[in-house]
């Protein structure tokens, strides 16, 4: 996919930082594409920032980088005639107020030749845990490169904790509670799931995607899997999923399908309910209730059977994939026209 913000050489990047150029429609990029031999300290030095800030700007869970990975970096931008703060903020995924604060502006007025410091916003992180809106998760996901083959998206519900344990701002505390339970009680090395979703629509990435999930679904599903835990008890008669939660579950599942080239089916999006509790084999709907868990819930988008998934969940994911791809194509077209 073509990108409006293009990679330029390290030497030119250094010149942009010292003496930014904005002429003939050329706009300096705040996206750095990782090359062979790059290290986080080297990139931080080039852009006159810190390793910690680069990690926070990009939701990095470690210092390790992958060739082709895209990093948001701070740059200097020279104002051209007709520029507005709103336009600049949109181009660089920032906000008008953020740019004004960083540059100590008291008004929105700009002047040709004026130099602006553009610093990417920091993602909300605590340790290895990254908390994002679904839109932030989209940007984060499409900037990452993963070394592990991922071809199966697992859908789980936490059962406990449930909605009553969510207080509106205790995302990190809930994640830490799950991590402690998984390590101390279950004997796993880390929190089992890669992704956690919350009733307010927020998304957390905790277990790195390059590390396979752990848990009772078994090694066959885990080796190629990515585990999503949806906070709540979605068995009939318990938590009623919020609209924001529904939207996020559909949205991030669609994003993951696009990222990893998957078509929604029982072979690409799986429910925990379809796996035998003891043998760890996939049984789909052919098992007694005591041989499988109800996860992700008997009321999860109409039920936890394969029929429910095919009739209810997969069509929602497919439609969302179409919307996202159409939006990406539209943005690409707009950016191409702008750069001409």
Protein backbone atom coordinates (compact mmCIF):
# COMPACT_ATOMS: atom_id res chain seq x y z
CA UNK A 1 0.00 0.00 0.00
CA UNK A 2 1.34 3.40 -0.96
CA UNK A 3 1.94 5.85 1.85
CA UNK A 4 1.85 9.62 1.70
CA UNK A 5 4.42 9.89 4.48
CA UNK A 6 7.49 8.35 2.83
CA UNK A 7 10.82 7.17 4.15
CA UNK A 8 13.80 9.45 3.52
CA UNK A 9 17.45 8.78 4.20
CA UNK A 10 19.07 9.27 7.61
CA UNK A 11 21.29 12.06 6.28
CA UNK A 12 18.33 13.97 4.91
CA UNK A 13 16.41 13.32 8.12
CA UNK A 14 19.20 14.98 10.06
CA UNK A 15 19.07 17.94 7.70
CA UNK A 16 15.31 18.16 8.20
CA UNK A 17 15.80 18.32 11.96
CA UNK A 18 18.40 21.06 11.67
CA UNK A 19 16.93 23.00 8.75
CA UNK A 20 13.45 21.74 7.80
CA UNK A 21 12.34 22.11 4.19
CA UNK A 22 8.77 22.35 3.01
CA UNK A 23 8.74 23.23 -0.65
CA UNK A 24 7.04 22.04 -3.83
CA UNK A 25 4.55 20.01 -1.82
CA UNK A 26 7.24 17.95 -0.04
CA UNK A 27 6.28 17.37 3.57
CA UNK A 28 8.81 15.92 6.01
CA UNK A 29 7.81 12.52 7.31
CA UNK A 30 7.46 11.73 10.99
CA UNK A 31 7.50 8.02 10.19
CA UNK A 32 10.83 6.21 10.32
CA UNK A 33 11.00 2.75 8.75
CA UNK A 34 13.46 0.49 10.55
CA UNK A 35 16.39 -0.80 8.47
CA UNK A 36 18.83 -3.61 9.06
CA UNK A 37 21.31 -2.67 11.78
CA UNK A 38 19.12 0.04 13.34
CA UNK A 39 18.94 0.23 17.12
CA UNK A 40 16.60 2.22 19.31
CA UNK A 41 19.48 4.24 20.84
CA UNK A 42 20.74 5.19 17.35
CA UNK A 43 17.28 6.32 16.22
CA UNK A 44 16.75 8.25 19.46
CA UNK A 45 20.09 10.02 18.88
CA UNK A 46 19.21 10.96 15.28
CA UNK A 47 15.94 12.54 16.38
CA UNK A 48 17.30 14.14 19.54
CA UNK A 49 14.95 12.25 21.82
CA UNK A 50 15.20 9.51 24.42
CA UNK A 51 14.74 5.76 24.19
CA UNK A 52 11.96 6.00 26.77
CA UNK A 53 10.11 8.64 24.75
CA UNK A 54 10.42 6.62 21.54
CA UNK A 55 8.98 3.61 23.36
CA UNK A 56 6.08 5.68 24.68
CA UNK A 57 5.41 7.30 21.28
CA UNK A 58 5.23 3.90 19.59
CA UNK A 59 3.95 1.52 22.25
CA UNK A 60 7.15 -0.51 22.23
CA UNK A 61 7.28 -3.32 24.78
CA UNK A 62 11.06 -3.78 24.44
CA UNK A 63 14.14 -2.32 22.73
CA UNK A 64 13.97 -4.93 19.96
CA UNK A 65 13.21 -3.70 16.45
CA UNK A 66 12.21 -5.48 13.24
CA UNK A 67 13.22 -4.48 9.73
CA UNK A 68 10.26 -2.71 8.13
CA UNK A 69 8.74 -1.67 11.45
CA UNK A 70 7.45 1.90 11.41
CA UNK A 71 8.23 4.33 14.22
CA UNK A 72 6.69 7.71 14.88
CA UNK A 73 9.48 10.22 15.53
CA UNK A 74 9.68 13.94 16.45
CA UNK A 75 10.45 16.35 13.61
CA UNK A 76 10.63 20.05 12.81
CA UNK A 77 8.14 21.40 10.27
CA UNK A 78 8.38 24.60 8.23
CA UNK A 79 5.06 26.36 7.69
CA UNK A 80 4.04 27.00 4.07
CA UNK A 81 1.45 29.48 2.76
CA UNK A 82 -2.05 28.16 3.40
CA UNK A 83 -1.05 25.81 6.23
CA UNK A 84 -3.33 25.63 9.26
CA UNK A 85 -2.73 24.02 12.62
CA UNK A 86 -5.72 21.76 12.02
CA UNK A 87 -4.25 20.48 8.75
CA UNK A 88 -0.81 19.92 10.25
CA UNK A 89 -2.31 18.12 13.24
CA UNK A 90 -4.27 15.83 10.92
CA UNK A 91 -1.21 15.02 8.78
CA UNK A 92 0.87 14.10 11.80
CA UNK A 93 -1.81 12.35 13.88
CA UNK A 94 -1.54 15.01 16.57
CA UNK A 95 -3.97 17.63 17.90
CA UNK A 96 -4.20 21.40 17.61
CA UNK A 97 -3.81 21.84 21.36
CA UNK A 98 -0.80 19.49 21.53
CA UNK A 99 1.07 21.44 18.83
CA UNK A 100 0.16 24.77 20.46
CA UNK A 101 1.38 23.57 23.86
CA UNK A 102 4.67 22.15 22.56
CA UNK A 103 5.42 25.33 20.62
CA UNK A 104 4.09 27.73 23.29
CA UNK A 105 1.52 29.29 20.94
CA UNK A 106 -1.19 31.55 22.32
CA UNK A 107 -3.20 31.58 19.07
CA UNK A 108 -3.86 29.44 16.00
CA UNK A 109 -2.22 31.90 13.62
CA UNK A 110 0.71 30.68 11.52
CA UNK A 111 3.25 32.47 9.32
CA UNK A 112 5.11 31.10 6.26
CA UNK A 113 8.63 30.09 7.26
CA UNK A 114 7.67 29.53 10.89
CA UNK A 115 9.25 26.40 12.41
CA UNK A 116 7.05 24.02 14.39
CA UNK A 117 8.18 21.20 16.61
CA UNK A 118 5.98 18.16 16.01
CA UNK A 119 6.19 15.50 18.71
CA UNK A 120 4.07 12.34 18.40
CA UNK A 121 1.65 11.82 21.30
CA UNK A 122 2.67 9.22 23.87
CA UNK A 123 0.64 6.05 24.25
CA UNK A 124 -0.64 5.16 27.70
CA UNK A 125 1.72 2.47 29.02
CA UNK A 126 2.62 0.81 32.31
CA UNK A 127 5.50 -1.62 32.01
CA UNK A 128 4.76 -3.93 29.08
CA UNK A 129 1.04 -3.12 29.14
CA UNK A 130 -0.23 -0.74 26.43
CA UNK A 131 -3.71 0.79 26.81
CA UNK A 132 -5.28 2.26 23.66
CA UNK A 133 -8.49 3.32 22.02
CA UNK A 134 -9.51 1.09 19.14
CA UNK A 135 -8.25 3.75 16.72
CA UNK A 136 -4.88 3.94 18.48
CA UNK A 137 -4.73 0.14 18.33
CA UNK A 138 -5.27 0.34 14.55
CA UNK A 139 -2.30 2.68 14.10
CA UNK A 140 -0.16 0.63 16.49
CA UNK A 141 -0.98 -2.66 14.74
CA UNK A 142 -0.25 -1.50 11.20
CA UNK A 143 3.12 -0.04 12.24
CA UNK A 144 4.33 -3.34 13.73
CA UNK A 145 6.27 -6.23 12.19
CA UNK A 146 5.88 -9.67 13.77
CA UNK A 147 8.21 -12.64 13.46
CA UNK A 148 5.68 -15.30 14.50
CA UNK A 149 3.11 -16.79 12.13
CA UNK A 150 -0.35 -15.81 13.34
CA UNK A 151 -3.34 -17.38 11.61
CA UNK A 152 -5.88 -18.03 14.37
CA UNK A 153 -7.66 -15.36 16.43
CA UNK A 154 -9.00 -16.72 19.70
CA UNK A 155 -12.09 -15.22 21.31
CA UNK A 156 -12.39 -15.58 25.11
CA UNK A 157 -14.28 -13.93 27.93
CA UNK A 158 -12.73 -13.47 31.35
CA UNK A 159 -15.84 -14.68 33.27
CA UNK A 160 -13.99 -13.32 36.31
CA UNK A 161 -13.26 -10.43 36.48
CA UNK A 162 -16.65 -9.34 35.15
CA UNK A 163 -18.33 -6.02 34.45
CA UNK A 164 -18.94 -5.34 38.13
CA UNK A 165 -15.17 -5.26 38.72
CA UNK A 166 -14.59 -2.57 36.09
CA UNK A 167 -14.61 0.88 37.68
CA UNK A 168 -14.02 2.96 34.56
CA UNK A 169 -10.33 3.69 35.06
CA UNK A 170 -8.82 0.54 36.58
CA UNK A 171 -7.70 -1.07 33.32
CA UNK A 172 -4.09 -1.55 34.42
CA UNK A 173 -5.09 -2.85 37.84
CA UNK A 174 -7.35 -5.47 36.26
CA UNK A 175 -4.60 -6.56 33.88
CA UNK A 176 -2.13 -6.87 36.75
CA UNK A 177 -4.66 -8.91 38.72
CA UNK A 178 -5.07 -11.31 35.80
CA UNK A 179 -1.31 -11.50 35.33
CA UNK A 180 -0.76 -12.34 39.00
CA UNK A 181 -3.43 -15.05 38.84
CA UNK A 182 -1.96 -16.57 35.68
CA UNK A 183 1.57 -16.63 37.09
CA UNK A 184 0.91 -17.56 40.72
CA UNK A 185 -2.14 -19.78 40.39
CA UNK A 186 -1.85 -21.23 36.89
CA UNK A 187 1.93 -21.47 36.74
CA UNK A 188 2.26 -19.60 33.45
CA UNK A 189 5.18 -17.32 32.68
CA UNK A 190 3.17 -14.19 31.96
CA UNK A 191 -0.39 -13.04 31.46
CA UNK A 192 -1.96 -15.61 29.15
CA UNK A 193 -3.66 -13.35 26.61
CA UNK A 194 -2.11 -11.01 24.08
CA UNK A 195 -5.07 -8.61 24.02
CA UNK A 196 -7.69 -7.54 26.54
CA UNK A 197 -10.81 -5.53 25.72
CA UNK A 198 -12.87 -3.54 28.24
CA UNK A 199 -16.49 -2.41 28.68
CA UNK A 200 -15.57 1.18 27.75
CA UNK A 201 -14.15 0.05 24.39
CA UNK A 202 -10.48 0.37 25.35
CA UNK A 203 -7.93 -2.19 24.18
CA UNK A 204 -4.83 -3.39 26.04
CA UNK A 205 -1.86 -5.26 24.59
CA UNK A 206 0.08 -7.06 27.33
CA UNK A 207 1.63 -10.32 26.15
CA UNK A 208 3.78 -9.47 23.10
CA UNK A 209 2.34 -10.73 19.81
CA UNK A 210 5.59 -12.54 19.04
CA UNK A 211 4.99 -14.76 22.07
CA UNK A 212 2.26 -17.40 21.70
CA UNK A 213 -0.54 -17.24 24.28
CA UNK A 214 -0.87 -19.72 27.13
CA UNK A 215 -3.98 -21.33 28.53
CA UNK A 216 -6.34 -24.28 28.45
CA UNK A 217 -7.21 -23.99 24.77
CA UNK A 218 -4.08 -26.02 24.05
CA UNK A 219 -0.83 -25.87 22.06
CA UNK A 220 -2.39 -26.52 18.63
CA UNK A 221 -4.44 -23.33 18.85
CA UNK A 222 -1.83 -21.37 20.76
CA UNK A 223 1.17 -21.95 18.49
CA UNK A 224 -0.41 -20.04 15.62
CA UNK A 225 -2.87 -18.14 17.78
CA UNK A 226 -3.46 -14.69 19.17
CA UNK A 227 -5.61 -14.68 22.31
CA UNK A 228 -8.16 -11.95 23.06
CA UNK A 229 -9.79 -11.82 26.49
CA UNK A 230 -12.96 -9.74 26.65
CA UNK A 231 -13.55 -8.53 30.19
CA UNK A 232 -16.97 -9.76 31.28
CA UNK A 233 -19.15 -12.79 31.82
CA UNK A 234 -21.14 -13.19 28.62
CA UNK A 235 -23.06 -16.31 29.53
CA UNK A 236 -26.83 -15.83 29.31
CA UNK A 237 -28.22 -14.01 32.34
CA UNK A 238 -24.98 -12.27 33.25
CA UNK A 239 -23.20 -9.21 31.80
CA UNK A 240 -24.92 -7.42 28.92
CA UNK A 241 -22.20 -6.25 26.56
CA UNK A 242 -22.01 -2.47 26.11
CA UNK A 243 -22.28 -1.01 22.61
CA UNK A 244 -18.74 0.37 22.88
CA UNK A 245 -17.45 -3.07 23.84
CA UNK A 246 -19.27 -4.68 20.89
CA UNK A 247 -17.85 -2.11 18.48
CA UNK A 248 -14.30 -2.66 19.73
CA UNK A 249 -14.51 -6.46 19.57
CA UNK A 250 -15.74 -6.36 15.97
CA UNK A 251 -13.30 -3.61 14.99
CA UNK A 252 -10.10 -5.15 16.37
CA UNK A 253 -11.02 -8.61 15.06
CA UNK A 254 -11.45 -7.04 11.62
CA UNK A 255 -8.12 -5.23 11.94
CA UNK A 256 -6.33 -8.45 12.90
CA UNK A 257 -7.88 -10.27 9.93
CA UNK A 258 -6.64 -7.53 7.60
CA UNK A 259 -3.18 -7.44 9.19
CA UNK A 260 -2.65 -11.19 8.98
CA UNK A 261 -4.51 -11.82 5.71
CA UNK A 262 -7.36 -13.87 7.20
CA UNK A 263 -10.90 -14.48 5.98
CA UNK A 264 -13.39 -14.93 8.85
CA UNK A 265 -14.20 -18.62 9.27
CA UNK A 266 -14.04 -21.34 11.91
CA UNK A 267 -10.42 -21.88 10.85
CA UNK A 268 -9.32 -18.27 11.40
CA UNK A 269 -11.53 -16.98 14.24
CA UNK A 270 -12.10 -19.56 16.94
CA UNK A 271 -14.13 -19.69 20.15
CA UNK A 272 -12.67 -21.32 23.24
CA UNK A 273 -15.91 -23.34 23.45
CA UNK A 274 -14.88 -25.35 20.40
CA UNK A 275 -11.86 -26.96 22.10
CA UNK A 276 -12.01 -29.99 24.42
CA UNK A 277 -11.10 -29.05 27.97
CA UNK A 278 -8.87 -32.12 28.57
CA UNK A 279 -7.64 -33.38 25.20
CA UNK A 280 -7.11 -29.81 23.83
CA UNK A 281 -8.47 -30.99 20.47
CA UNK A 282 -10.90 -28.94 18.40
CA UNK A 283 -14.37 -30.48 18.72
CA UNK A 284 -16.44 -27.55 17.41
CA UNK A 285 -20.07 -28.25 18.46
CA UNK A 286 -19.57 -31.98 18.98
CA UNK A 287 -18.95 -32.21 22.74
CA UNK A 288 -20.86 -32.57 25.98
CA UNK A 289 -21.22 -29.41 28.07
CA UNK A 290 -18.89 -30.78 30.76
CA UNK A 291 -16.12 -31.39 28.20
CA UNK A 292 -15.82 -27.77 27.06
CA UNK A 293 -15.98 -24.26 28.51
CA UNK A 294 -18.81 -21.88 27.59
CA UNK A 295 -16.19 -19.21 26.72
CA UNK A 296 -16.58 -16.65 25.13
CA UNK A 297 -20.11 -16.94 26.47
CA UNK A 298 -23.49 -18.43 25.59
CA UNK A 299 -24.68 -14.88 24.78
CA UNK A 300 -21.54 -13.79 22.87
CA UNK A 301 -22.96 -12.18 19.71
CA UNK A 302 -25.93 -14.54 19.79
CA UNK A 303 -24.22 -17.65 21.12
CA UNK A 304 -21.05 -19.70 21.27
CA UNK A 305 -21.81 -22.30 18.60
CA UNK A 306 -20.26 -22.41 15.14
CA UNK A 307 -23.69 -21.61 13.69
CA UNK A 308 -23.88 -18.44 15.82
CA UNK A 309 -20.39 -17.42 14.74
CA UNK A 310 -21.19 -17.95 11.05
CA UNK A 311 -24.59 -16.24 11.20
CA UNK A 312 -23.83 -13.42 13.63
CA UNK A 313 -20.20 -12.65 14.38
CA UNK A 314 -18.35 -13.36 11.12
CA UNK A 315 -20.68 -11.19 8.97
CA UNK A 316 -20.13 -8.24 11.33
CA UNK A 317 -16.36 -8.71 11.09
CA UNK A 318 -16.52 -9.02 7.29
CA UNK A 319 -18.52 -5.80 6.93
CA UNK A 320 -16.14 -3.98 9.24
CA UNK A 321 -13.17 -5.22 7.21
CA UNK A 322 -14.79 -3.79 4.07
CA UNK A 323 -15.35 -0.44 5.80
CA UNK A 324 -11.76 -0.27 7.05
CA UNK A 325 -10.25 -1.20 3.68
CA UNK A 326 -12.47 1.35 1.91
CA UNK A 327 -11.40 4.00 4.40
CA UNK A 328 -7.73 3.12 3.89
CA UNK A 329 -8.14 3.32 0.11
CA UNK A 330 -9.87 6.70 0.43
CA UNK A 331 -7.13 8.06 2.69
CA UNK A 332 -4.48 6.79 0.28
CA UNK A 333 -6.21 8.55 -2.62
CA UNK A 334 -6.54 11.82 -0.70
CA UNK A 335 -2.89 11.71 0.38
CA UNK A 336 -1.75 10.95 -3.18
CA UNK A 337 -3.70 13.93 -4.51
CA UNK A 338 -2.33 16.19 -1.78
CA UNK A 339 1.27 15.25 -2.55
CA UNK A 340 0.99 16.04 -6.27
